[in-house]
Amino acid sequence: MYKPIFDKLDAQAAKQLAELDKSYLWSRKYQKQDFTEKFVIPGFVYIIGLFVILNYGVKYRVYLQYVKHGRKSDLADRFDIDLEDVESYPASVFEEYVEKKKKDG
């Protein structure tokens, strides 16, 4: 009596599970550990790398703008950059500083 109804519901459930098996996030094949290893950890590494690159790039740009054009940015105060301290300049900015000093006399 219940067998035809059960078979129909079981076929629908199997169809839904088969569709979910194609997904990376909801599949029975991919577990919590796979999600952590393939999404969370690379995501954190990407965010940290992006922060480091942007932080270095902004500081470099602040130094370079000060040396080339004499512009003092508000970002220098936010990053606690002492633009008058020539010893703290990155190597490439220091080279620009030396070239500018040679040109100026």
Protein backbone atom coordinates (compact mmCIF):
# COMPACT_ATOMS: atom_id res chain seq x y z
CA MET A 1 0.00 0.00 0.00
CA TYR A 2 2.78 2.49 0.90
CA LYS A 3 5.34 1.03 -1.46
CA PRO A 4 4.39 3.07 -4.60
CA ILE A 5 4.39 6.33 -2.62
CA PHE A 6 7.70 5.46 -0.96
CA ASP A 7 9.29 4.58 -4.31
CA LYS A 8 8.13 7.86 -5.81
CA LEU A 9 9.51 9.91 -2.89
CA ASP A 10 12.73 7.90 -2.92
CA ALA A 11 13.18 8.57 -6.65
CA GLN A 12 12.66 12.32 -6.09
CA ALA A 13 15.19 12.34 -3.22
CA ALA A 14 17.72 10.42 -5.32
CA LYS A 15 17.24 12.91 -8.16
CA GLN A 16 17.83 15.87 -5.82
CA LEU A 17 20.90 14.25 -4.30
CA ALA A 18 22.30 13.54 -7.75
CA GLU A 19 21.89 17.24 -8.64
CA LEU A 20 23.56 18.27 -5.37
CA ASP A 21 26.48 15.93 -6.05
CA LYS A 22 27.43 18.17 -8.98
CA SER A 23 27.91 21.13 -6.61
CA TYR A 24 31.16 21.78 -4.74
CA LEU A 25 29.53 23.32 -1.68
CA TRP A 26 26.53 21.03 -1.11
CA SER A 27 27.78 17.71 -2.38
CA ARG A 28 27.95 14.59 -0.27
CA LYS A 29 31.38 14.04 -1.80
CA TYR A 30 32.91 17.31 -0.52
CA GLN A 31 33.07 17.62 3.22
CA LYS A 32 33.86 20.40 5.70
CA GLN A 33 37.58 19.63 5.53
CA ASP A 34 37.57 20.03 1.74
CA PHE A 35 35.81 23.39 2.07
CA THR A 36 38.39 24.56 4.60
CA GLU A 37 41.36 23.40 2.54
CA LYS A 38 40.10 24.66 -0.83
CA PHE A 39 38.32 27.89 0.11
CA VAL A 40 38.91 29.25 3.61
CA ILE A 41 42.69 28.86 3.89
CA PRO A 42 43.44 30.15 0.35
CA GLY A 43 41.01 33.00 1.01
CA PHE A 44 42.90 34.07 4.14
CA VAL A 45 46.23 33.79 2.33
CA TYR A 46 44.88 35.92 -0.53
CA ILE A 47 43.53 38.59 1.84
CA ILE A 48 46.78 38.76 3.83
CA GLY A 49 48.83 38.93 0.63
CA LEU A 50 46.61 41.67 -0.76
CA PHE A 51 46.93 43.66 2.47
CA VAL A 52 50.73 43.37 2.43
CA ILE A 53 50.99 44.36 -1.23
CA LEU A 54 48.67 47.35 -0.84
CA ASN A 55 50.37 48.46 2.36
CA TYR A 56 53.83 48.33 0.76
CA GLY A 57 52.59 49.97 -2.44
CA VAL A 58 50.92 52.86 -0.65
CA LYS A 59 53.99 53.55 1.49
CA TYR A 60 56.23 53.40 -1.58
CA ARG A 61 53.92 55.79 -3.44
CA VAL A 62 53.87 58.25 -0.51
CA TYR A 63 57.68 58.30 -0.39
CA LEU A 64 58.00 58.64 -4.15
CA GLN A 65 55.48 61.50 -4.40
CA TYR A 66 57.34 63.36 -1.67
CA VAL A 67 60.75 62.90 -3.30
CA LYS A 68 59.72 63.58 -6.92
CA HIS A 69 57.13 66.32 -6.49
CA GLY A 70 57.46 67.50 -2.89
CA ARG A 71 53.88 66.45 -2.09
CA LYS A 72 53.16 65.54 1.49
CA SER A 73 50.08 63.35 1.74
CA ASP A 74 47.75 62.83 4.69
CA LEU A 75 48.51 59.13 4.29
CA ALA A 76 52.02 59.81 5.57
CA ASP A 77 50.51 60.79 8.90
CA ARG A 78 48.20 57.77 8.94
CA PHE A 79 51.07 55.36 8.28
CA ASP A 80 53.40 57.23 10.69
CA ILE A 81 55.90 57.88 7.92
CA ASP A 82 58.64 60.40 8.63
CA LEU A 83 59.30 61.84 5.19
CA GLU A 84 62.28 63.88 6.40
CA ASP A 85 64.13 60.72 7.51
CA VAL A 86 66.14 59.85 4.40
CA GLU A 87 67.50 56.67 6.00
CA SER A 88 64.02 55.10 6.05
CA TYR A 89 63.46 55.46 2.28
CA PRO A 90 63.21 52.25 0.25
CA ALA A 91 66.23 51.62 -2.01
CA SER A 92 64.57 52.67 -5.28
CA VAL A 93 63.15 55.85 -3.72
CA PHE A 94 66.55 56.64 -2.22
CA GLU A 95 68.06 56.41 -5.73
CA GLU A 96 65.46 58.89 -6.97
CA TYR A 97 66.31 61.14 -4.03
CA VAL A 98 70.02 61.03 -4.87
CA GLU A 99 69.33 61.78 -8.56
CA LYS A 100 67.10 64.71 -7.64
CA LYS A 101 69.77 66.11 -5.32
CA LYS A 102 72.35 65.84 -8.14
CA LYS A 103 70.04 67.71 -10.53
CA ASP A 104 69.26 70.43 -7.99
CA GLY A 105 72.90 71.01 -7.29
